[in-house]
C-alpha atoms as a PDB file:
ATOM      1  CA  MET A   1      78.475  81.465 104.728  1.00  0.00           C
ATOM      2  CA  ARG A   2      75.119  79.745 105.242  1.00  0.00           C
ATOM      3  CA  GLN A   3      74.476  81.681 108.433  1.00  0.00           C
ATOM      4  CA  PRO A   4      73.289  85.225 107.650  1.00  0.00           C
ATOM      5  CA  ALA A   5      75.295  86.945 110.405  1.00  0.00           C
ATOM      6  CA  ARG A   6      78.520  85.260 109.309  1.00  0.00           C
ATOM      7  CA  ALA A   7      77.832  86.037 105.665  1.00  0.00           C
ATOM      8  CA  ARG A   8      77.295  89.733 106.516  1.00  0.00           C
ATOM      9  CA  ALA A   9      80.487  89.817 108.579  1.00  0.00           C
ATOM     10  CA  ALA A  10      82.529  88.182 105.824  1.00  0.00           C
ATOM     11  CA  SER A  11      81.091  90.538 103.238  1.00  0.00           C
ATOM     12  CA  ALA A  12      81.846  93.589 105.390  1.00  0.00           C
ATOM     13  CA  LEU A  13      85.409  92.395 106.002  1.00  0.00           C
ATOM     14  CA  TYR A  14      85.961  91.931 102.291  1.00  0.00           C
ATOM     15  CA  ARG A  15      84.366  95.224 101.188  1.00  0.00           C
ATOM     16  CA  ARG A  16      85.749  97.445 103.958  1.00  0.00           C
ATOM     17  CA  PHE A  17      89.202  96.002 104.556  1.00  0.00           C
ATOM     18  CA  ILE A  18      90.492  93.315 102.226  1.00  0.00           C
ATOM     19  CA  LEU A  19      89.536  94.848  98.883  1.00  0.00           C
ATOM     20  CA  PRO A  20      90.625  98.439  99.726  1.00  0.00           C
ATOM     21  CA  GLU A  21      93.891  97.179 101.210  1.00  0.00           C
ATOM     22  CA  ALA A  22      94.569  94.977  98.181  1.00  0.00           C
ATOM     23  CA  MET A  23      94.104  98.013  95.944  1.00  0.00           C
ATOM     24  CA  ARG A  24      96.616 100.000  98.050  1.00  0.00           C
ATOM     25  CA  ILE A  25      99.126  97.150  97.758  1.00  0.00           C
ATOM     26  CA  VAL A  26      98.678  96.867  93.994  1.00  0.00           C
ATOM     27  CA  ALA A  27      98.994 100.651  93.631  1.00  0.00           C
ATOM     28  CA  GLY A  28     102.374 100.556  95.408  1.00  0.00           C
ATOM     29  CA  THR A  29     101.339 102.479  98.520  1.00  0.00           C
ATOM     30  CA  TYR A  30     103.723 100.446 100.667  1.00  0.00           C
ATOM     31  CA  ARG A  31     106.539 100.135  98.128  1.00  0.00           C
ATOM     32  CA  ASP A  32     109.017 102.120 100.248  1.00  0.00           C
ATOM     33  CA  ARG A  33     108.010 100.665 103.622  1.00  0.00           C
ATOM     34  CA  TRP A  34     109.787  98.032 105.706  1.00  0.00           C
ATOM     35  CA  LEU A  35     107.760  95.220 107.319  1.00  0.00           C
ATOM     36  CA  ALA A  36     109.485  94.428 110.606  1.00  0.00           C
ATOM     37  CA  ALA A  37     106.876  92.132 112.190  1.00  0.00           C
ATOM     38  CA  PRO A  38     107.146  88.399 111.574  1.00  0.00           C
ATOM     39  CA  THR A  39     104.568  87.632 108.903  1.00  0.00           C
ATOM     40  CA  VAL A  40     102.995  84.619 107.236  1.00  0.00           C
ATOM     41  CA  VAL A  41     101.114  84.831 103.960  1.00  0.00           C
ATOM     42  CA  ALA A  42      99.000  81.733 103.525  1.00  0.00           C
ATOM     43  CA  GLY A  43      97.257  80.738 100.356  1.00  0.00           C
ATOM     44  CA  GLY A  44      95.310  77.699  99.348  1.00  0.00           C
ATOM     45  CA  ALA A  45      97.212  75.468  96.953  1.00  0.00           C
ATOM     46  CA  ASP A  46      94.016  75.146  94.907  1.00  0.00           C
ATOM     47  CA  ASP A  47      93.163  78.868  94.880  1.00  0.00           C
ATOM     48  CA  PRO A  48      92.688  80.086  91.303  1.00  0.00           C
ATOM     49  CA  LEU A  49      92.821  83.732  92.450  1.00  0.00           C
ATOM     50  CA  ALA A  50      95.991  83.886  94.558  1.00  0.00           C
ATOM     51  CA  ARG A  51      98.583  81.806  92.743  1.00  0.00           C
ATOM     52  CA  PRO A  52     102.076  81.483  94.264  1.00  0.00           C
ATOM     53  CA  ALA A  53     103.506  83.576  91.433  1.00  0.00           C
ATOM     54  CA  PHE A  54     101.428  86.527  92.646  1.00  0.00           C
ATOM     55  CA  LEU A  55     102.936  86.344  96.133  1.00  0.00           C
ATOM     56  CA  GLY A  56     106.444  87.423  95.196  1.00  0.00           C
ATOM     57  CA  GLY A  57     108.028  90.844  95.285  1.00  0.00           C
ATOM     58  CA  TRP A  58     108.394  91.119  99.029  1.00  0.00           C
ATOM     59  CA  GLN A  59     112.118  90.369  99.013  1.00  0.00           C
ATOM     60  CA  GLY A  60     113.996  93.395 100.304  1.00  0.00           C
ATOM     61  CA  HIS A  61     110.870  94.725 102.045  1.00  0.00           C
ATOM     62  CA  ALA A  62     110.493  92.424 105.057  1.00  0.00           C
ATOM     63  CA  ALA A  63     112.614  91.044 107.848  1.00  0.00           C
ATOM     64  CA  ASP A  64     110.793  87.749 108.426  1.00  0.00           C
ATOM     65  CA  ILE A  65     108.095  86.655 106.004  1.00  0.00           C
ATOM     66  CA  ARG A  66     107.028  83.180 104.981  1.00  0.00           C
ATOM     67  CA  ILE A  67     104.824  82.226 102.079  1.00  0.00           C
ATOM     68  CA  GLU A  68     102.846  79.058 102.813  1.00  0.00           C
ATOM     69  CA  GLN A  69     100.691  77.024 100.452  1.00  0.00           C
ATOM     70  CA  VAL A  70      97.983  75.065 102.269  1.00  0.00           C
ATOM     71  CA  HIS A  71      97.066  71.844 100.488  1.00  0.00           C
ATOM     72  CA  GLY A  72      93.441  70.855 100.345  1.00  0.00           C
ATOM     73  CA  ALA A  73      92.283  74.471 100.350  1.00  0.00           C
ATOM     74  CA  ALA A  74      91.353  77.117  97.837  1.00  0.00           C
ATOM     75  CA  HIS A  75      90.371  80.672  98.752  1.00  0.00           C
ATOM     76  CA  HIS A  76      88.719  80.326 102.181  1.00  0.00           C
ATOM     77  CA  LEU A  77      91.447  78.796 104.333  1.00  0.00           C
ATOM     78  CA  PRO A  78      89.817  79.106 107.777  1.00  0.00           C
ATOM     79  CA  HIS A  79      86.752  77.231 106.555  1.00  0.00           C
ATOM     80  CA  GLU A  80      88.535  74.685 104.378  1.00  0.00           C
ATOM     81  CA  GLN A  81      91.590  73.879 106.535  1.00  0.00           C
ATOM     82  CA  PRO A  82      91.045  75.344 110.026  1.00  0.00           C
ATOM     83  CA  ALA A  83      93.693  73.147 111.665  1.00  0.00           C
ATOM     84  CA  ALA A  84      96.317  74.349 109.185  1.00  0.00           C
ATOM     85  CA  VAL A  85      95.418  77.983 109.883  1.00  0.00           C
ATOM     86  CA  VAL A  86      95.719  77.398 113.637  1.00  0.00           C
ATOM     87  CA  ALA A  87      99.106  75.721 113.162  1.00  0.00           C
ATOM     88  CA  LEU A  88     100.360  78.639 111.052  1.00  0.00           C
ATOM     89  CA  ALA A  89      99.093  81.151 113.615  1.00  0.00           C
ATOM     90  CA  LEU A  90     100.769  79.310 116.493  1.00  0.00           C
ATOM     91  CA  ASP A  91     104.030  79.128 114.561  1.00  0.00           C
ATOM     92  CA  LEU A  92     103.818  82.841 113.812  1.00  0.00           C
ATOM     93  CA  ALA A  93     103.183  83.644 117.485  1.00  0.00           C
ATOM     94  CA  ALA A  94     106.186  81.524 118.502  1.00  0.00           C
ATOM     95  CA  ARG A  95     108.396  83.323 115.976  1.00  0.00           C
ATOM     96  CA  ALA A  96     107.193  86.701 117.265  1.00  0.00           C
ATOM     97  CA  ALA A  97     107.822  85.661 120.884  1.00  0.00           C
ATOM     98  CA  THR A  98     111.438  84.707 120.182  1.00  0.00           C
ATOM     99  CA  ARG A  99     112.089  88.113 118.613  1.00  0.00           C
ATOM    100  CA  SER A 100     110.962  90.150 121.627  1.00  0.00           C
END
């Protein structure tokens, strides 16, 4: 976030995608939808904003979803634990490949 271009990109991502999408989720927009794609939801174990208790409610709405807590990270996983994010992404890709 110390580099201006990266800070602008992160801010745009948050304002234009993450925040509006979070509001749609909270409002129940996807309540009657089925998530068929293998999915991983990763949160930092030290994140005060996204506690594990907030990550429930998906049961009965997804075929293959995993909730992962990344130790040594709070809210910015790619910056705080990049190797863990890569490992989760590779695992997700492997799970997706076995389904096709």
